[in-house]
Amino acid sequence: MSSIWTGVSGLLTYSQGIATTGNNLANVNTVGYKSSRMLFADMISTMAGGTSDGSQIGTGVQVGSIALQTEVGSLQDASNSTDLAITGERGYFVVKDAANDKTYYTRAGDFNFDKNGNLMSATGCNVQGWAVDQDAILKAKRNNVILSEVPTTGTVTDITIKDFTIDPQATGTMEVVTNLDSQSSVGELDATDPYFTMFKNYDATNDTPVADSDYQATIKIYDSNGVAHTATVYYSKTSDNSGKEYWEYMVTVPPEEDGSATTSGTTKAGVLMVGTLTFSAQGVLENQTAFTPNGSDPTSLSNWTQASLTSSGVPEFSATFKSASNGSALPSQTIAFKTGLSATDGSWNSGSAANAGAIGTNAALNIGYNPSSTLNAVYCTTNYATSSYTQTSSQDGYAKGEMTATNVDENGVIWGSFTNGQTKALYVLALADFTNPTDLYRNGNNLLSPTTESGKATVGRANSGVFDSIAGNTLESSNVDMASEMVNLIINQRAFQANSKVVTTAESLMETALQIKK
């Protein structure tokens, strides 16, 4: 009688094995599907009758375990920029079902934005991540701080782009790095203030306010409305003294666009900053002064006082532009002016001139920074014996833009590209990892959830810690090996047939036993 149940256990177990194999084969084209592996175990054995050595007879077979196989499926190119794949085994996308407010995990990265700007999985779940801290990025950029990763703010949340535009950003930093030809000759200088001759000759009422510069560099900067203004930095050689060269510089905008209550309407309209540059005999920029108007008569150099410095030791000025729509003054904006030289102590030399008028004819007063605290950037203004030219120029303002595309980098950062040429980090995808992912629970729709055996989810960022990187425009295929599954199917089929034979044989034996009784 027991032999019948032994055979039946085989029929039941191998039918489940065939079902497992069939499910794997059915999902051979399912994105991100992880195959299952069934392991068999014997059932409790009984003592063999009529023996004295403890011999046992087995009573059949049962399912030992069905484990999720975590090997990475092949990665296939995809046309959608939000089709994503995790390049290794460590990591699962985090999604949330709004219907039941439950969090699930998946390897299927076939995501897309819906009409409301939500990044959704193909099964209708919200993809999770962190919002990018835009203020931290802007602060780091303006202080020359290189971030090791895109900063985020808040907790893991739905990835939702509510506004597909980027607001205009007023310029907060402008960098103009030049080479000023050391072979330039010194022109006629002002007798009282030779180091500010160009400024004293500047006249906003003339068609060409500056007529005596040796070189000029232009750059577009933006006001708070996103309107571009052309800023021009003028340079003029003032002296070659004891092996050092001194140059005057002046940062300006068109006089008619100057809305400052101090300079607008005067002969100095459009002048934002004046100062001097000191070069060594080797053509290296070794010091700098910078002065901005203090609110009094801008035609007097004594009213141009030392500019404030950023925390990284770069001088800054205040710019007030007129509105393009009605000509009224816009809110003033502070702009840091970078030449490539900065003060590591973030302060001016205690012995430097407090205002531009105090320098007079004394070359020694052109020392603005503490000589022991200066830092030359990789790209820094120079004074070599070659034609003057602009090495590099940049600024951080821009006009309003419309989003044209998104892409995801290897670190899981979702970037937006805009019509104004800007790119902006929007969100950082969240990934999860488990101590024992083979025991994750399948919920259907490519969704997995943790169990006691799998352990709780550990959430982190792609390409950091234990987490693997993310490939954009890519999907992970099923990791089902069709050849292996076909072999398993044949083996399970043969085992099922053999166990059915056990049942029919046992039945025949029972019939024979019944015939003996008759």
Protein backbone atom coordinates (compact mmCIF):
# COMPACT_ATOMS: atom_id res chain seq x y z
CA MET A 1 0.00 0.00 0.00
CA SER A 2 2.83 2.40 0.88
CA SER A 3 4.35 1.96 -2.55
CA ILE A 4 1.27 3.57 -4.10
CA TRP A 5 1.74 6.69 -1.98
CA THR A 6 5.46 6.72 -2.81
CA GLY A 7 4.58 6.81 -6.48
CA VAL A 8 1.90 9.41 -5.90
CA SER A 9 4.43 11.67 -4.13
CA GLY A 10 6.59 11.44 -7.24
CA LEU A 11 3.67 12.31 -9.50
CA LEU A 12 2.75 15.34 -7.40
CA THR A 13 6.34 16.57 -6.99
CA TYR A 14 7.42 16.14 -10.59
CA SER A 15 4.23 17.76 -11.84
CA GLN A 16 5.30 20.81 -9.80
CA GLY A 17 8.77 20.54 -11.33
CA ILE A 18 7.20 20.57 -14.80
CA ALA A 19 5.08 23.57 -13.77
CA THR A 20 8.18 25.44 -12.55
CA THR A 21 10.04 24.70 -15.78
CA GLY A 22 6.97 25.65 -17.79
CA ASN A 23 6.73 28.98 -15.96
CA ASN A 24 10.38 29.73 -16.72
CA LEU A 25 9.88 28.95 -20.40
CA ALA A 26 6.67 31.00 -20.49
CA ASN A 27 8.64 34.04 -19.22
CA VAL A 28 11.64 33.64 -21.49
CA ASN A 29 10.85 37.06 -23.06
CA THR A 30 9.70 38.82 -19.87
CA VAL A 31 11.85 41.89 -19.12
CA GLY A 32 13.90 41.45 -15.97
CA TYR A 33 12.38 38.04 -15.17
CA LYS A 34 14.40 35.82 -12.83
CA SER A 35 14.05 32.08 -13.33
CA SER A 36 13.23 29.64 -10.53
CA ARG A 37 15.17 26.53 -9.64
CA MET A 38 13.39 23.63 -7.92
CA LEU A 39 15.33 21.33 -5.61
CA PHE A 40 13.95 17.98 -4.47
CA ALA A 41 14.12 16.32 -1.04
CA ASP A 42 13.23 12.83 0.14
CA MET A 43 10.37 12.23 2.58
CA ILE A 44 10.68 10.65 6.02
CA SER A 45 11.70 7.00 5.77
CA THR A 46 10.09 4.18 7.79
CA MET A 47 11.70 1.20 9.46
CA ALA A 48 11.86 -1.89 7.28
CA GLY A 49 9.81 -4.73 8.76
CA GLY A 50 11.57 -7.95 9.79
CA THR A 51 15.02 -6.37 10.10
CA SER A 52 17.14 -5.84 13.16
CA ASP A 53 19.80 -3.49 11.74
CA GLY A 54 17.69 -0.33 11.54
CA SER A 55 17.15 -0.53 7.79
CA GLN A 56 14.72 2.03 6.38
CA ILE A 57 12.42 2.25 3.43
CA GLY A 58 11.84 5.60 1.78
CA THR A 59 8.32 6.90 1.44
CA GLY A 60 8.74 9.21 -1.55
CA VAL A 61 9.88 12.65 -2.70
CA GLN A 62 8.84 16.21 -1.96
CA VAL A 63 9.73 19.74 -3.04
CA GLY A 64 12.82 20.83 -1.10
CA SER A 65 12.89 24.47 -2.23
CA ILE A 66 12.12 26.76 -5.14
CA ALA A 67 14.72 29.53 -5.28
CA LEU A 68 14.92 32.72 -7.34
CA GLN A 69 17.97 32.75 -9.60
CA THR A 70 19.63 36.19 -9.45
CA GLU A 71 22.06 35.92 -12.36
CA VAL A 72 21.92 38.94 -14.67
CA GLY A 73 20.09 38.43 -17.93
CA SER A 74 21.60 39.71 -21.16
CA LEU A 75 21.46 43.49 -21.60
CA GLN A 76 19.70 44.67 -24.75
CA ASP A 77 19.76 48.12 -26.35
CA ALA A 78 16.44 49.99 -26.12
CA SER A 79 15.14 53.11 -27.84
CA ASN A 80 13.59 54.74 -24.77
CA SER A 81 15.94 56.84 -22.62
CA THR A 82 14.03 55.73 -19.52
CA ASP A 83 14.49 52.04 -20.31
CA LEU A 84 16.98 51.07 -17.62
CA ALA A 85 18.95 48.03 -16.57
CA ILE A 86 21.10 47.28 -13.54
CA THR A 87 24.44 46.00 -14.79
CA GLY A 88 25.08 43.48 -11.98
CA GLU A 89 23.23 41.36 -9.44
CA ARG A 90 23.39 43.92 -6.64
CA GLY A 91 20.35 46.11 -6.86
CA TYR A 92 16.61 46.24 -7.51
CA PHE A 93 14.54 49.21 -8.64
CA VAL A 94 12.16 50.51 -5.97
CA VAL A 95 8.55 51.09 -7.04
CA LYS A 96 5.36 51.87 -5.16
CA ASP A 97 1.79 50.86 -5.98
CA ALA A 98 -0.40 53.89 -5.30
CA ALA A 99 -3.50 51.63 -5.10
CA ASN A 100 -2.35 49.87 -1.93
CA ASP A 101 0.56 52.14 -0.90
CA LYS A 102 2.91 49.16 -0.87
CA THR A 103 6.54 49.24 -1.91
CA TYR A 104 7.83 46.57 -4.27
CA TYR A 105 11.13 45.76 -5.95
CA THR A 106 11.84 44.82 -9.53
CA ARG A 107 14.59 44.22 -12.07
CA ALA A 108 12.31 45.26 -14.93
CA GLY A 109 13.37 48.79 -15.89
CA ASP A 110 10.86 49.45 -18.68
CA PHE A 111 9.85 52.84 -17.30
CA ASN A 112 8.15 55.83 -18.88
CA PHE A 113 6.72 59.21 -17.91
CA ASP A 114 2.92 59.44 -17.85
CA LYS A 115 0.88 62.52 -18.77
CA ASN A 116 1.26 63.89 -15.23
CA GLY A 117 5.04 63.67 -15.28
CA ASN A 118 5.26 60.58 -13.06
CA LEU A 119 7.95 58.03 -13.90
CA MET A 120 5.99 54.77 -14.00
CA SER A 121 6.81 51.11 -14.40
CA ALA A 122 5.11 49.16 -17.19
CA THR A 123 2.79 47.67 -14.54
CA GLY A 124 1.61 51.08 -13.26
CA CYS A 125 3.79 51.59 -10.19
CA ASN A 126 5.57 54.84 -9.30
CA VAL A 127 9.35 54.63 -9.58
CA GLN A 128 11.10 55.87 -6.42
CA GLY A 129 14.09 58.13 -5.93
CA TRP A 130 15.43 61.29 -4.27
CA ALA A 131 14.92 64.87 -5.44
CA VAL A 132 18.17 66.68 -6.31
CA ASP A 133 19.26 69.53 -4.03
CA GLN A 134 19.55 72.33 -6.59
CA ASP A 135 20.67 74.92 -4.02
CA ALA A 136 23.60 72.75 -2.95
CA ILE A 137 24.69 72.30 -6.58
CA LEU A 138 24.58 76.05 -7.27
CA LYS A 139 26.44 76.87 -4.05
CA ALA A 140 29.17 74.35 -4.82
CA LYS A 141 29.55 75.63 -8.38
CA ARG A 142 29.93 79.22 -7.27
CA ASN A 143 32.48 78.29 -4.61
CA ASN A 144 34.61 76.10 -6.90
CA VAL A 145 33.70 73.00 -4.89
CA ILE A 146 33.77 69.72 -6.84
CA LEU A 147 31.01 67.44 -5.59
CA SER A 148 31.74 63.72 -5.41
CA GLU A 149 28.11 62.94 -6.20
CA VAL A 150 24.90 64.76 -7.06
CA PRO A 151 23.41 65.95 -3.72
CA THR A 152 19.86 65.00 -2.82
CA THR A 153 17.29 66.32 -0.41
CA GLY A 154 14.46 64.71 1.54
CA THR A 155 13.49 61.04 1.65
CA VAL A 156 12.76 58.51 -1.10
CA THR A 157 9.65 59.61 -2.98
CA ASP A 158 7.79 59.30 -6.28
CA ILE A 159 9.85 60.57 -9.21
CA THR A 160 7.63 63.28 -10.64
CA ILE A 161 8.58 66.10 -13.01
CA LYS A 162 5.87 68.70 -12.47
CA ASP A 163 7.38 71.43 -14.60
CA PHE A 164 9.02 70.61 -17.92
CA THR A 165 10.63 74.04 -18.06
CA ILE A 166 13.69 75.48 -16.36
CA ASP A 167 13.34 78.93 -14.83
CA PRO A 168 15.87 81.59 -15.80
CA GLN A 169 18.88 81.90 -13.54
CA ALA A 170 20.59 85.22 -12.95
CA THR A 171 24.34 85.13 -13.41
CA GLY A 172 26.12 84.74 -10.08
CA THR A 173 29.62 83.97 -11.32
CA MET A 174 31.51 85.04 -14.42
CA GLU A 175 35.00 83.89 -15.30
CA VAL A 176 37.20 85.61 -17.87
CA VAL A 177 40.72 84.24 -18.15
CA THR A 178 42.99 85.96 -20.66
CA ASN A 179 46.59 86.31 -21.72
CA LEU A 180 47.67 89.95 -21.81
CA ASP A 181 50.55 90.61 -24.17
CA SER A 182 53.59 91.67 -22.14
CA GLN A 183 54.96 93.40 -25.25
CA SER A 184 52.13 95.95 -25.19
CA SER A 185 53.37 99.50 -24.81
CA VAL A 186 52.21 101.85 -22.09
CA GLY A 187 50.10 104.72 -23.39
CA GLU A 188 49.62 108.20 -21.99
CA LEU A 189 48.74 107.84 -18.30
CA ASP A 190 46.76 110.03 -15.94
CA ALA A 191 49.20 112.06 -13.86
CA THR A 192 47.28 111.63 -10.59
CA ASP A 193 45.89 108.12 -10.97
CA PRO A 194 47.99 106.32 -13.59
CA TYR A 195 46.68 102.88 -12.57
CA PHE A 196 43.12 103.96 -13.37
CA THR A 197 43.69 105.99 -16.50
CA MET A 198 41.18 103.96 -18.50
CA PHE A 199 38.49 104.50 -15.86
CA LYS A 200 39.07 108.23 -15.66
CA ASN A 201 38.83 108.53 -19.45
CA TYR A 202 35.64 106.42 -19.54
CA ASP A 203 32.61 108.46 -20.63
CA ALA A 204 29.22 106.76 -20.88
CA THR A 205 27.85 109.59 -23.00
CA ASN A 206 30.21 108.77 -25.86
CA ASP A 207 29.31 106.24 -28.53
CA THR A 208 32.47 104.37 -27.52
CA PRO A 209 32.85 104.88 -23.76
CA VAL A 210 36.30 103.22 -23.70
CA ALA A 211 38.75 104.31 -26.37
CA ASP A 212 42.14 103.47 -24.88
CA SER A 213 42.17 99.77 -23.95
CA ASP A 214 44.84 97.28 -25.06
CA TYR A 215 42.48 94.32 -25.05
CA GLN A 216 38.84 93.56 -24.37
CA ALA A 217 36.91 90.33 -23.72
CA THR A 218 33.15 89.99 -23.93
CA ILE A 219 30.77 87.52 -22.33
CA LYS A 220 26.99 87.27 -22.12
CA ILE A 221 25.51 87.41 -18.63
CA TYR A 222 21.86 87.12 -17.59
CA ASP A 223 19.54 89.12 -15.36
CA SER A 224 16.81 87.66 -13.14
CA ASN A 225 14.34 87.65 -16.05
CA GLY A 226 16.69 85.57 -18.18
CA VAL A 227 17.56 88.46 -20.51
CA ALA A 228 21.12 88.38 -21.83
CA HIS A 229 23.45 91.37 -21.45
CA THR A 230 26.89 91.74 -22.96
CA ALA A 231 29.54 92.29 -20.31
CA THR A 232 32.91 93.59 -21.50
CA VAL A 233 36.15 93.41 -19.55
CA TYR A 234 38.68 96.03 -20.71
CA TYR A 235 42.42 95.77 -20.03
CA SER A 236 45.10 98.42 -20.30
CA LYS A 237 48.82 98.19 -19.46
CA THR A 238 49.78 100.88 -16.95
CA SER A 239 53.43 100.24 -16.06
CA ASP A 240 56.43 97.90 -16.11
CA ASN A 241 58.10 98.49 -12.76
CA SER A 242 61.02 96.54 -11.20
CA GLY A 243 60.34 93.44 -13.25
CA LYS A 244 56.60 93.47 -12.54
CA GLU A 245 53.86 94.47 -14.96
CA TYR A 246 50.70 96.27 -13.85
CA TRP A 247 47.47 96.26 -15.81
CA GLU A 248 44.24 98.11 -15.19
CA TYR A 249 40.98 96.24 -15.81
CA MET A 250 37.38 97.39 -15.86
CA VAL A 251 34.17 95.28 -15.96
CA THR A 252 31.33 97.02 -17.81
CA VAL A 253 27.89 96.57 -19.37
CA PRO A 254 26.24 98.87 -21.94
CA PRO A 255 25.46 102.19 -20.15
CA GLU A 256 21.83 102.19 -21.32
CA GLU A 257 21.26 98.84 -19.56
CA ASP A 258 22.64 99.99 -16.21
CA GLY A 259 19.84 100.46 -13.67
CA SER A 260 22.05 101.20 -10.66
CA ALA A 261 20.95 104.16 -8.56
CA THR A 262 24.63 105.05 -8.13
CA THR A 263 26.04 104.96 -11.66
CA SER A 264 23.00 105.17 -13.98
CA GLY A 265 22.74 108.55 -15.68
CA THR A 266 26.33 109.50 -14.88
CA THR A 267 29.44 109.44 -17.05
CA LYS A 268 30.38 106.16 -15.32
CA ALA A 269 27.12 104.38 -16.18
CA GLY A 270 27.77 100.75 -17.02
CA VAL A 271 30.97 100.41 -14.96
CA LEU A 272 30.59 97.58 -12.42
CA MET A 273 34.12 96.97 -11.13
CA VAL A 274 37.59 98.44 -11.54
CA GLY A 275 40.94 97.11 -10.37
CA THR A 276 44.52 96.20 -11.17
CA LEU A 277 46.42 93.00 -11.99
CA THR A 278 50.03 92.46 -10.97
CA PHE A 279 52.21 90.04 -12.94
CA SER A 280 55.63 88.62 -12.10
CA ALA A 281 58.59 88.81 -14.48
CA GLN A 282 57.66 85.28 -15.60
CA GLY A 283 54.17 86.44 -16.65
CA VAL A 284 52.35 84.81 -13.71
CA LEU A 285 49.42 86.66 -12.10
CA GLU A 286 50.51 87.19 -8.50
CA ASN A 287 48.09 89.81 -7.16
CA GLN A 288 44.89 91.68 -7.85
CA THR A 289 42.84 94.58 -6.55
CA ALA A 290 39.10 95.11 -7.06
CA PHE A 291 36.89 98.09 -6.27
CA THR A 292 33.13 98.74 -6.58
CA PRO A 293 31.07 101.94 -6.08
CA ASN A 294 30.02 102.68 -2.48
CA GLY A 295 26.87 104.64 -3.32
CA SER A 296 28.40 108.09 -3.56
CA ASP A 297 29.59 110.06 -6.60
CA PRO A 298 30.96 107.33 -8.94
CA THR A 299 33.15 109.76 -10.85
CA SER A 300 35.47 110.01 -7.85
CA LEU A 301 37.90 107.12 -7.38
CA SER A 302 37.78 107.57 -3.63
CA ASN A 303 34.16 106.35 -3.77
CA TRP A 304 35.22 103.05 -5.32
CA THR A 305 35.99 100.94 -2.28
CA GLN A 306 37.34 97.41 -1.88
CA ALA A 307 34.96 94.81 -3.28
CA SER A 308 33.62 92.12 -1.03
CA LEU A 309 35.10 88.63 -1.41
CA THR A 310 33.36 85.29 -1.67
CA SER A 311 34.22 82.53 0.80
CA SER A 312 36.72 81.22 -1.75
CA GLY A 313 38.45 84.61 -2.00
CA VAL A 314 37.06 85.91 -5.32
CA PRO A 315 35.95 89.56 -5.66
CA GLU A 316 32.31 90.25 -6.45
CA PHE A 317 30.28 93.20 -7.65
CA SER A 318 26.62 94.18 -7.69
CA ALA A 319 24.83 94.58 -11.01
CA THR A 320 21.42 96.21 -11.47
CA PHE A 321 19.89 95.87 -14.92
CA LYS A 322 16.94 97.63 -16.45
CA SER A 323 13.91 95.55 -17.33
CA ALA A 324 13.59 94.87 -21.05
CA SER A 325 9.82 95.34 -20.83
CA ASN A 326 9.42 98.72 -19.12
CA GLY A 327 12.91 99.99 -18.32
CA SER A 328 12.44 99.82 -14.55
CA ALA A 329 15.33 98.62 -12.41
CA LEU A 330 15.39 94.90 -11.65
CA PRO A 331 16.58 93.61 -8.27
CA SER A 332 20.35 93.86 -7.98
CA GLN A 333 22.38 90.67 -8.35
CA THR A 334 25.78 89.83 -6.96
CA ILE A 335 28.30 88.45 -9.44
CA ALA A 336 31.69 86.98 -8.58
CA PHE A 337 34.41 87.90 -11.08
CA LYS A 338 37.07 85.23 -11.59
CA THR A 339 40.43 85.92 -13.24
CA GLY A 340 41.94 82.65 -12.02
CA LEU A 341 43.51 84.16 -8.89
CA SER A 342 41.91 83.91 -5.45
CA ALA A 343 42.72 84.49 -1.79
CA THR A 344 42.76 81.28 0.22
CA ASP A 345 42.18 83.22 3.46
CA GLY A 346 39.11 84.91 1.96
CA SER A 347 40.26 88.43 2.86
CA TRP A 348 42.17 91.42 1.56
CA ASN A 349 45.67 92.33 2.72
CA SER A 350 45.41 94.55 5.78
CA GLY A 351 47.82 97.01 4.18
CA SER A 352 46.05 97.26 0.82
CA ALA A 353 44.36 100.40 -0.41
CA ALA A 354 40.85 100.86 1.00
CA ASN A 355 39.71 102.66 -2.16
CA ALA A 356 40.94 103.07 -5.72
CA GLY A 357 41.85 106.73 -5.18
CA ALA A 358 44.28 105.78 -2.40
CA ILE A 359 46.64 103.98 -4.79
CA GLY A 360 47.61 107.14 -6.64
CA THR A 361 51.07 106.74 -8.16
CA ASN A 362 52.33 104.18 -5.62
CA ALA A 363 52.81 100.81 -7.39
CA ALA A 364 53.30 99.03 -4.05
CA LEU A 365 49.65 99.73 -3.10
CA ASN A 366 48.44 97.46 -5.94
CA ILE A 367 48.88 94.55 -3.55
CA GLY A 368 45.33 93.45 -2.82
CA TYR A 369 45.71 89.88 -1.51
CA ASN A 370 48.15 88.61 1.07
CA PRO A 371 51.01 87.30 -1.12
CA SER A 372 51.25 84.16 1.04
CA SER A 373 47.52 83.41 0.55
CA THR A 374 47.13 83.59 -3.21
CA LEU A 375 46.10 80.61 -5.31
CA ASN A 376 46.42 80.35 -9.09
CA ALA A 377 43.85 78.11 -10.75
CA VAL A 378 44.76 75.75 -13.59
CA TYR A 379 43.36 78.36 -15.96
CA CYS A 380 44.59 81.74 -14.78
CA THR A 381 45.15 85.10 -16.47
CA THR A 382 48.74 85.38 -17.72
CA ASN A 383 51.14 87.96 -19.12
CA TYR A 384 53.20 86.18 -21.73
CA ALA A 385 54.91 87.71 -24.75
CA THR A 386 52.30 86.71 -27.28
CA SER A 387 49.19 88.32 -28.66
CA SER A 388 46.46 89.01 -26.13
CA TYR A 389 43.64 86.48 -26.28
CA THR A 390 40.90 84.98 -24.14
CA GLN A 391 41.89 81.58 -22.77
CA THR A 392 38.47 80.71 -21.40
CA SER A 393 35.26 82.43 -20.37
CA SER A 394 32.13 81.14 -18.67
CA GLN A 395 29.21 82.18 -16.51
CA ASP A 396 26.39 80.37 -14.73
CA GLY A 397 23.28 82.28 -15.81
CA TYR A 398 20.77 81.30 -18.46
CA ALA A 399 17.40 82.12 -19.98
CA LYS A 400 14.21 80.12 -19.50
CA GLY A 401 14.18 76.81 -21.35
CA GLU A 402 11.84 73.97 -22.30
CA MET A 403 12.77 70.35 -21.64
CA THR A 404 13.58 68.46 -24.80
CA ALA A 405 14.86 65.13 -23.48
CA THR A 406 15.84 63.13 -20.42
CA ASN A 407 18.61 60.64 -19.87
CA VAL A 408 19.90 58.53 -16.99
CA ASP A 409 23.60 58.13 -16.22
CA GLU A 410 25.43 55.19 -14.64
CA ASN A 411 24.90 56.67 -11.16
CA GLY A 412 21.13 56.66 -11.58
CA VAL A 413 20.88 60.44 -11.98
CA ILE A 414 18.01 61.56 -14.19
CA TRP A 415 19.09 64.56 -16.27
CA GLY A 416 16.92 66.95 -18.23
CA SER A 417 18.11 68.71 -21.40
CA PHE A 418 16.58 72.09 -22.21
CA THR A 419 16.24 74.36 -25.22
CA ASN A 420 18.54 76.96 -23.62
CA GLY A 421 21.44 74.52 -23.77
CA GLN A 422 21.32 73.68 -20.08
CA THR A 423 21.28 70.24 -18.49
CA LYS A 424 19.88 69.78 -15.02
CA ALA A 425 20.00 66.90 -12.55
CA LEU A 426 16.39 66.21 -11.56
CA TYR A 427 16.24 63.01 -9.51
CA VAL A 428 18.46 60.18 -8.33
CA LEU A 429 17.02 56.67 -8.65
CA ALA A 430 16.81 54.56 -5.50
CA LEU A 431 18.05 50.96 -5.55
CA ALA A 432 17.50 48.24 -2.95
CA ASP A 433 19.55 45.21 -2.00
CA PHE A 434 18.81 42.16 0.17
CA THR A 435 20.89 39.79 2.27
CA ASN A 436 19.30 36.78 0.57
CA PRO A 437 17.50 37.84 -2.62
CA THR A 438 16.87 34.21 -3.70
CA ASP A 439 14.01 34.10 -1.19
CA LEU A 440 12.17 37.21 -2.37
CA TYR A 441 8.44 36.71 -2.80
CA ARG A 442 6.94 36.95 -6.29
CA ASN A 443 3.82 39.13 -6.44
CA GLY A 444 3.32 38.93 -10.20
CA ASN A 445 3.78 41.80 -12.67
CA ASN A 446 7.58 41.53 -12.20
CA LEU A 447 7.14 42.73 -8.60
CA LEU A 448 9.04 41.27 -5.68
CA SER A 449 8.65 41.83 -1.94
CA PRO A 450 10.88 40.92 1.00
CA THR A 451 10.33 37.91 3.24
CA THR A 452 11.77 36.89 6.59
CA GLU A 453 14.26 34.70 4.73
CA SER A 454 15.33 37.42 2.24
CA GLY A 455 15.85 40.07 4.90
CA LYS A 456 14.80 43.71 4.80
CA ALA A 457 15.67 46.02 1.93
CA THR A 458 18.78 48.19 2.15
CA VAL A 459 18.28 51.30 0.02
CA GLY A 460 21.11 53.20 -1.66
CA ARG A 461 22.38 54.80 -4.85
CA ALA A 462 23.61 53.12 -8.00
CA ASN A 463 27.35 52.75 -8.48
CA SER A 464 28.08 53.31 -4.79
CA GLY A 465 28.72 50.91 -1.95
CA VAL A 466 27.52 47.40 -2.89
CA PHE A 467 25.21 48.64 -5.62
CA ASP A 468 25.95 48.11 -9.30
CA SER A 469 25.67 50.83 -11.94
CA ILE A 470 22.72 51.59 -14.20
CA ALA A 471 22.70 51.43 -18.00
CA GLY A 472 20.36 53.84 -19.78
CA ASN A 473 18.62 53.02 -23.06
CA THR A 474 18.98 49.39 -22.02
CA LEU A 475 16.74 46.58 -20.78
CA GLU A 476 17.67 43.39 -18.96
CA SER A 477 16.29 40.27 -20.62
CA SER A 478 15.03 37.23 -18.77
CA ASN A 479 17.83 35.08 -17.38
CA VAL A 480 16.06 31.87 -18.43
CA ASP A 481 18.43 29.41 -20.15
CA MET A 482 16.18 27.64 -22.66
CA ALA A 483 18.59 24.74 -23.22
CA SER A 484 18.77 23.96 -19.51
CA GLU A 485 15.03 24.30 -19.10
CA MET A 486 14.34 21.90 -21.97
CA VAL A 487 16.65 19.35 -20.37
CA ASN A 488 14.84 19.82 -17.04
CA LEU A 489 11.52 19.36 -18.81
CA ILE A 490 12.62 16.03 -20.31
CA ILE A 491 14.03 14.80 -16.99
CA ASN A 492 10.89 15.74 -15.08
CA GLN A 493 8.70 14.15 -17.76
CA ARG A 494 10.65 10.88 -17.56
CA ALA A 495 10.51 10.95 -13.77
CA PHE A 496 6.76 11.55 -13.88
CA GLN A 497 6.30 8.60 -16.25
CA ALA A 498 8.43 6.36 -14.04
CA ASN A 499 6.43 7.24 -10.95
CA SER A 500 3.18 6.60 -12.80
CA LYS A 501 4.56 3.13 -13.53
CA VAL A 502 5.20 2.65 -9.81
CA VAL A 503 1.55 3.43 -9.11
CA THR A 504 0.23 1.01 -11.75
CA THR A 505 2.62 -1.71 -10.58
CA ALA A 506 1.56 -1.28 -6.97
CA GLU A 507 -2.07 -1.42 -8.08
CA SER A 508 -1.40 -4.70 -9.92
CA LEU A 509 0.18 -6.16 -6.78
CA MET A 510 -2.87 -5.20 -4.75
CA GLU A 511 -5.17 -6.90 -7.24
CA THR A 512 -3.06 -10.07 -7.05
CA ALA A 513 -3.25 -10.00 -3.27
CA LEU A 514 -7.02 -9.65 -3.43
CA GLN A 515 -7.25 -12.62 -5.81
CA ILE A 516 -5.35 -14.79 -3.30
CA LYS A 517 -7.92 -13.95 -0.65
CA LYS A 518 -10.75 -15.09 -2.92
